[in-house]
Amino acid sequence: MMTMGYNSLLGLLILTGDIWAIINIFQSSVSNEKKLIWILAVALLPLLGLILWYFLGPRSSNRSQIL
C-alpha cells in the first residue's frame, strides 16, 4: 500500500508540472503552431515533454521570475 502512495504522489507531481507547462505555453508569445506542438509534446509524453519544454521551450518573463 505504501508504494502505491508514492506512485500516486509522483503522478500527481508530474500532472501538476504538465498543467503548469501548458498554462505557460498558452501565455507565451510564440506562434500558435509552436504552441500546439509544445502542448502535444507535453500531453503525449508527460515527463519527457515537461523536461524538454523546460529546457528547450520558449522563455517567458513568468518563468524567469520563478528561477
PDB file of N, CA and C in Angstrom:
ATOM      1  N   MET A   1       0.814  -1.195   0.000  1.00  0.00           N
ATOM      2  CA  MET A   1       0.000   0.000   0.000  1.00  0.00           C
ATOM      3  C   MET A   1       0.858   1.260   0.000  1.00  0.00           C
ATOM      4  N   MET A   2       2.003   1.212   0.664  1.00  0.00           N
ATOM      5  CA  MET A   2       2.869   2.395   0.717  1.00  0.00           C
ATOM      6  C   MET A   2       3.441   2.734  -0.651  1.00  0.00           C
ATOM      7  N   THR A   3       3.850   1.720  -1.418  1.00  0.00           N
ATOM      8  CA  THR A   3       4.417   2.018  -2.730  1.00  0.00           C
ATOM      9  C   THR A   3       3.358   2.617  -3.650  1.00  0.00           C
ATOM     10  N   MET A   4       2.119   2.209  -3.466  1.00  0.00           N
ATOM     11  CA  MET A   4       1.046   2.786  -4.267  1.00  0.00           C
ATOM     12  C   MET A   4       0.900   4.277  -3.959  1.00  0.00           C
ATOM     13  N   GLY A   5       1.100   4.663  -2.726  1.00  0.00           N
ATOM     14  CA  GLY A   5       1.028   6.064  -2.333  1.00  0.00           C
ATOM     15  C   GLY A   5       2.130   6.889  -2.957  1.00  0.00           C
ATOM     16  N   TYR A   6       3.346   6.329  -3.008  1.00  0.00           N
ATOM     17  CA  TYR A   6       4.462   7.047  -3.615  1.00  0.00           C
ATOM     18  C   TYR A   6       4.270   7.202  -5.115  1.00  0.00           C
ATOM     19  N   ASN A   7       3.753   6.169  -5.759  1.00  0.00           N
ATOM     20  CA  ASN A   7       3.498   6.267  -7.195  1.00  0.00           C
ATOM     21  C   ASN A   7       2.421   7.307  -7.483  1.00  0.00           C
ATOM     22  N   SER A   8       1.407   7.360  -6.640  1.00  0.00           N
ATOM     23  CA  SER A   8       0.348   8.348  -6.821  1.00  0.00           C
ATOM     24  C   SER A   8       0.884   9.762  -6.628  1.00  0.00           C
ATOM     25  N   LEU A   9       1.754   9.932  -5.664  1.00  0.00           N
ATOM     26  CA  LEU A   9       2.342  11.244  -5.408  1.00  0.00           C
ATOM     27  C   LEU A   9       3.207  11.680  -6.590  1.00  0.00           C
ATOM     28  N   LEU A  10       3.998  10.758  -7.124  1.00  0.00           N
ATOM     29  CA  LEU A  10       4.826  11.078  -8.280  1.00  0.00           C
ATOM     30  C   LEU A  10       3.958  11.450  -9.485  1.00  0.00           C
ATOM     31  N   GLY A  11       2.889  10.693  -9.710  1.00  0.00           N
ATOM     32  CA  GLY A  11       1.978  11.003 -10.806  1.00  0.00           C
ATOM     33  C   GLY A  11       1.319  12.357 -10.639  1.00  0.00           C
ATOM     34  N   LEU A  12       0.946  12.693  -9.409  1.00  0.00           N
ATOM     35  CA  LEU A  12       0.333  13.990  -9.134  1.00  0.00           C
ATOM     36  C   LEU A  12       1.317  15.128  -9.375  1.00  0.00           C
ATOM     37  N   LEU A  13       2.580  14.933  -9.006  1.00  0.00           N
ATOM     38  CA  LEU A  13       3.596  15.958  -9.252  1.00  0.00           C
ATOM     39  C   LEU A  13       3.827  16.164 -10.750  1.00  0.00           C
ATOM     40  N   ILE A  14       3.861  15.075 -11.509  1.00  0.00           N
ATOM     41  CA  ILE A  14       4.041  15.192 -12.961  1.00  0.00           C
ATOM     42  C   ILE A  14       2.831  15.880 -13.588  1.00  0.00           C
ATOM     43  N   LEU A  15       1.628  15.517 -13.151  1.00  0.00           N
ATOM     44  CA  LEU A  15       0.416  16.153 -13.669  1.00  0.00           C
ATOM     45  C   LEU A  15       0.414  17.648 -13.370  1.00  0.00           C
ATOM     46  N   THR A  16       0.801  18.020 -12.167  1.00  0.00           N
ATOM     47  CA  THR A  16       0.870  19.433 -11.785  1.00  0.00           C
ATOM     48  C   THR A  16       1.884  20.175 -12.659  1.00  0.00           C
ATOM     49  N   GLY A  17       3.041  19.559 -12.884  1.00  0.00           N
ATOM     50  CA  GLY A  17       4.050  20.174 -13.745  1.00  0.00           C
ATOM     51  C   GLY A  17       3.568  20.337 -15.170  1.00  0.00           C
ATOM     52  N   ASP A  18       2.857  19.331 -15.672  1.00  0.00           N
ATOM     53  CA  ASP A  18       2.323  19.418 -17.032  1.00  0.00           C
ATOM     54  C   ASP A  18       1.287  20.531 -17.154  1.00  0.00           C
ATOM     55  N   ILE A  19       0.407  20.656 -16.190  1.00  0.00           N
ATOM     56  CA  ILE A  19      -0.596  21.733 -16.220  1.00  0.00           C
ATOM     57  C   ILE A  19       0.091  23.090 -16.171  1.00  0.00           C
ATOM     58  N   TRP A  20       1.101  23.211 -15.326  1.00  0.00           N
ATOM     59  CA  TRP A  20       1.871  24.460 -15.232  1.00  0.00           C
ATOM     60  C   TRP A  20       2.536  24.783 -16.568  1.00  0.00           C
ATOM     61  N   ALA A  21       3.110  23.761 -17.217  1.00  0.00           N
ATOM     62  CA  ALA A  21       3.772  23.969 -18.510  1.00  0.00           C
ATOM     63  C   ALA A  21       2.765  24.398 -19.577  1.00  0.00           C
ATOM     64  N   ILE A  22       1.609  23.742 -19.618  1.00  0.00           N
ATOM     65  CA  ILE A  22       0.602  24.079 -20.629  1.00  0.00           C
ATOM     66  C   ILE A  22       0.087  25.500 -20.436  1.00  0.00           C
ATOM     67  N   ILE A  23      -0.117  25.916 -19.205  1.00  0.00           N
ATOM     68  CA  ILE A  23      -0.548  27.296 -18.941  1.00  0.00           C
ATOM     69  C   ILE A  23       0.515  28.270 -19.428  1.00  0.00           C
ATOM     70  N   ASN A  24       1.776  27.986 -19.146  1.00  0.00           N
ATOM     71  CA  ASN A  24       2.856  28.869 -19.594  1.00  0.00           C
ATOM     72  C   ASN A  24       3.004  28.860 -21.109  1.00  0.00           C
ATOM     73  N   ILE A  25       2.747  27.727 -21.737  1.00  0.00           N
ATOM     74  CA  ILE A  25       2.802  27.676 -23.208  1.00  0.00           C
ATOM     75  C   ILE A  25       1.718  28.573 -23.795  1.00  0.00           C
ATOM     76  N   PHE A  26       0.502  28.504 -23.237  1.00  0.00           N
ATOM     77  CA  PHE A  26      -0.580  29.370 -23.719  1.00  0.00           C
ATOM     78  C   PHE A  26      -0.231  30.843 -23.554  1.00  0.00           C
ATOM     79  N   GLN A  27       0.476  31.197 -22.501  1.00  0.00           N
ATOM     80  CA  GLN A  27       0.798  32.594 -22.221  1.00  0.00           C
ATOM     81  C   GLN A  27       2.009  33.094 -22.993  1.00  0.00           C
ATOM     82  N   SER A  28       2.739  32.195 -23.651  1.00  0.00           N
ATOM     83  CA  SER A  28       3.937  32.623 -24.372  1.00  0.00           C
ATOM     84  C   SER A  28       3.555  33.385 -25.643  1.00  0.00           C
ATOM     85  N   SER A  29       4.531  34.066 -26.196  1.00  0.00           N
ATOM     86  CA  SER A  29       4.271  34.906 -27.365  1.00  0.00           C
ATOM     87  C   SER A  29       4.666  34.219 -28.677  1.00  0.00           C
ATOM     88  N   VAL A  30       4.904  32.918 -28.653  1.00  0.00           N
ATOM     89  CA  VAL A  30       5.274  32.205 -29.879  1.00  0.00           C
ATOM     90  C   VAL A  30       4.041  31.977 -30.743  1.00  0.00           C
ATOM     91  N   SER A  31       4.261  31.532 -31.959  1.00  0.00           N
ATOM     92  CA  SER A  31       3.152  31.314 -32.886  1.00  0.00           C
ATOM     93  C   SER A  31       2.242  30.183 -32.389  1.00  0.00           C
ATOM     94  N   ASN A  32       1.018  30.187 -32.892  1.00  0.00           N
ATOM     95  CA  ASN A  32       0.050  29.171 -32.492  1.00  0.00           C
ATOM     96  C   ASN A  32       0.500  27.763 -32.886  1.00  0.00           C
ATOM     97  N   GLU A  33       1.207  27.638 -33.999  1.00  0.00           N
ATOM     98  CA  GLU A  33       1.695  26.334 -34.424  1.00  0.00           C
ATOM     99  C   GLU A  33       2.699  25.768 -33.429  1.00  0.00           C
ATOM    100  N   LYS A  34       3.614  26.618 -32.964  1.00  0.00           N
ATOM    101  CA  LYS A  34       4.599  26.170 -31.978  1.00  0.00           C
ATOM    102  C   LYS A  34       3.926  25.851 -30.649  1.00  0.00           C
ATOM    103  N   LYS A  35       2.916  26.638 -30.275  1.00  0.00           N
ATOM    104  CA  LYS A  35       2.177  26.337 -29.050  1.00  0.00           C
ATOM    105  C   LYS A  35       1.531  24.961 -29.142  1.00  0.00           C
ATOM    106  N   LEU A  36       0.924  24.676 -30.289  1.00  0.00           N
ATOM    107  CA  LEU A  36       0.263  23.383 -30.479  1.00  0.00           C
ATOM    108  C   LEU A  36       1.265  22.238 -30.387  1.00  0.00           C
ATOM    109  N   ILE A  37       2.417  22.393 -31.002  1.00  0.00           N
ATOM    110  CA  ILE A  37       3.446  21.352 -30.963  1.00  0.00           C
ATOM    111  C   ILE A  37       3.904  21.110 -29.529  1.00  0.00           C
ATOM    112  N   TRP A  38       4.160  22.184 -28.773  1.00  0.00           N
ATOM    113  CA  TRP A  38       4.608  22.018 -27.393  1.00  0.00           C
ATOM    114  C   TRP A  38       3.519  21.401 -26.511  1.00  0.00           C
ATOM    115  N   ILE A  39       2.287  21.812 -26.713  1.00  0.00           N
ATOM    116  CA  ILE A  39       1.194  21.247 -25.913  1.00  0.00           C
ATOM    117  C   ILE A  39       1.032  19.764 -26.215  1.00  0.00           C
ATOM    118  N   LEU A  40       1.131  19.378 -27.484  1.00  0.00           N
ATOM    119  CA  LEU A  40       1.044  17.964 -27.835  1.00  0.00           C
ATOM    120  C   LEU A  40       2.205  17.174 -27.225  1.00  0.00           C
ATOM    121  N   ALA A  41       3.401  17.748 -27.256  1.00  0.00           N
ATOM    122  CA  ALA A  41       4.560  17.060 -26.681  1.00  0.00           C
ATOM    123  C   ALA A  41       4.369  16.842 -25.183  1.00  0.00           C
ATOM    124  N   VAL A  42       3.894  17.864 -24.481  1.00  0.00           N
ATOM    125  CA  VAL A  42       3.695  17.749 -23.036  1.00  0.00           C
ATOM    126  C   VAL A  42       2.554  16.790 -22.719  1.00  0.00           C
ATOM    127  N   ALA A  43       1.493  16.813 -23.527  1.00  0.00           N
ATOM    128  CA  ALA A  43       0.336  15.960 -23.260  1.00  0.00           C
ATOM    129  C   ALA A  43       0.608  14.493 -23.595  1.00  0.00           C
ATOM    130  N   LEU A  44       1.314  14.242 -24.691  1.00  0.00           N
ATOM    131  CA  LEU A  44       1.545  12.863 -25.120  1.00  0.00           C
ATOM    132  C   LEU A  44       2.732  12.205 -24.417  1.00  0.00           C
ATOM    133  N   LEU A  45       3.702  12.995 -24.008  1.00  0.00           N
ATOM    134  CA  LEU A  45       4.886  12.497 -23.301  1.00  0.00           C
ATOM    135  C   LEU A  45       5.016  13.267 -21.993  1.00  0.00           C
ATOM    136  N   PRO A  46       4.209  12.947 -20.992  1.00  0.00           N
ATOM    137  CA  PRO A  46       4.107  13.799 -19.805  1.00  0.00           C
ATOM    138  C   PRO A  46       5.440  14.174 -19.149  1.00  0.00           C
ATOM    139  N   LEU A  47       6.254  13.221 -18.790  1.00  0.00           N
ATOM    140  CA  LEU A  47       7.504  13.559 -18.108  1.00  0.00           C
ATOM    141  C   LEU A  47       8.552  14.082 -19.083  1.00  0.00           C
ATOM    142  N   LEU A  48       8.756  13.381 -20.183  1.00  0.00           N
ATOM    143  CA  LEU A  48       9.748  13.804 -21.166  1.00  0.00           C
ATOM    144  C   LEU A  48       9.364  15.142 -21.795  1.00  0.00           C
ATOM    145  N   GLY A  49       8.093  15.311 -22.124  1.00  0.00           N
ATOM    146  CA  GLY A  49       7.629  16.573 -22.696  1.00  0.00           C
ATOM    147  C   GLY A  49       7.838  17.747 -21.755  1.00  0.00           C
ATOM    148  N   LEU A  50       7.578  17.518 -20.475  1.00  0.00           N
ATOM    149  CA  LEU A  50       7.782  18.567 -19.465  1.00  0.00           C
ATOM    150  C   LEU A  50       9.255  18.946 -19.368  1.00  0.00           C
ATOM    151  N   ILE A  51      10.127  17.951 -19.355  1.00  0.00           N
ATOM    152  CA  ILE A  51      11.568  18.219 -19.270  1.00  0.00           C
ATOM    153  C   ILE A  51      12.051  18.943 -20.526  1.00  0.00           C
ATOM    154  N   LEU A  52      11.629  18.470 -21.691  1.00  0.00           N
ATOM    155  CA  LEU A  52      12.035  19.124 -22.940  1.00  0.00           C
ATOM    156  C   LEU A  52      11.537  20.563 -23.000  1.00  0.00           C
ATOM    157  N   TRP A  53      10.271  20.769 -22.627  1.00  0.00           N
ATOM    158  CA  TRP A  53       9.731  22.124 -22.657  1.00  0.00           C
ATOM    159  C   TRP A  53      10.507  23.034 -21.707  1.00  0.00           C
ATOM    160  N   TYR A  54      10.845  22.528 -20.531  1.00  0.00           N
ATOM    161  CA  TYR A  54      11.532  23.366 -19.544  1.00  0.00           C
ATOM    162  C   TYR A  54      12.894  23.836 -20.062  1.00  0.00           C
ATOM    163  N   PHE A  55      13.620  22.932 -20.727  1.00  0.00           N
ATOM    164  CA  PHE A  55      14.956  23.298 -21.187  1.00  0.00           C
ATOM    165  C   PHE A  55      14.985  23.887 -22.593  1.00  0.00           C
ATOM    166  N   LEU A  56      14.060  23.498 -23.462  1.00  0.00           N
ATOM    167  CA  LEU A  56      14.116  23.923 -24.863  1.00  0.00           C
ATOM    168  C   LEU A  56      12.975  24.836 -25.290  1.00  0.00           C
ATOM    169  N   GLY A  57      11.941  24.938 -24.467  1.00  0.00           N
ATOM    170  CA  GLY A  57      10.754  25.696 -24.845  1.00  0.00           C
ATOM    171  C   GLY A  57      10.984  27.203 -24.825  1.00  0.00           C
ATOM    172  N   PRO A  58      10.011  27.927 -25.334  1.00  0.00           N
ATOM    173  CA  PRO A  58      10.130  29.385 -25.360  1.00  0.00           C
ATOM    174  C   PRO A  58      10.185  29.965 -23.959  1.00  0.00           C
ATOM    175  N   ARG A  59      10.994  30.947 -23.793  1.00  0.00           N
ATOM    176  CA  ARG A  59      11.147  31.602 -22.488  1.00  0.00           C
ATOM    177  C   ARG A  59      10.092  32.686 -22.348  1.00  0.00           C
ATOM    178  N   SER A  60       9.566  32.804 -21.146  1.00  0.00           N
ATOM    179  CA  SER A  60       8.631  33.888 -20.846  1.00  0.00           C
ATOM    180  C   SER A  60       9.123  34.610 -19.608  1.00  0.00           C
ATOM    181  N   SER A  61       8.608  35.785 -19.377  1.00  0.00           N
ATOM    182  CA  SER A  61       9.030  36.546 -18.206  1.00  0.00           C
ATOM    183  C   SER A  61       8.582  35.866 -16.913  1.00  0.00           C
ATOM    184  N   ASN A  62       7.467  35.126 -16.950  1.00  0.00           N
ATOM    185  CA  ASN A  62       6.987  34.441 -15.752  1.00  0.00           C
ATOM    186  C   ASN A  62       7.955  33.374 -15.288  1.00  0.00           C
ATOM    187  N   ARG A  63       8.492  32.599 -16.219  1.00  0.00           N
ATOM    188  CA  ARG A  63       9.374  31.507 -15.853  1.00  0.00           C
ATOM    189  C   ARG A  63      10.692  32.028 -15.319  1.00  0.00           C
ATOM    190  N   SER A  64      11.210  33.140 -15.836  1.00  0.00           N
ATOM    191  CA  SER A  64      12.473  33.670 -15.355  1.00  0.00           C
ATOM    192  C   SER A  64      12.331  34.267 -13.963  1.00  0.00           C
ATOM    193  N   GLN A  65      11.129  34.715 -13.602  1.00  0.00           N
ATOM    194  CA  GLN A  65      10.911  35.243 -12.259  1.00  0.00           C
ATOM    195  C   GLN A  65      10.915  34.139 -11.215  1.00  0.00           C
ATOM    196  N   ILE A  66      10.473  32.948 -11.583  1.00  0.00           N
ATOM    197  CA  ILE A  66      10.429  31.831 -10.648  1.00  0.00           C
ATOM    198  C   ILE A  66      11.837  31.384 -10.301  1.00  0.00           C
ATOM    199  N   LEU A  67      12.724  31.372 -11.290  1.00  0.00           N
ATOM    200  CA  LEU A  67      14.097  30.929 -11.071  1.00  0.00           C
ATOM    201  C   LEU A  67      14.853  32.037 -10.406  1.00  0.00           C
TER     202      LEU A  67
END
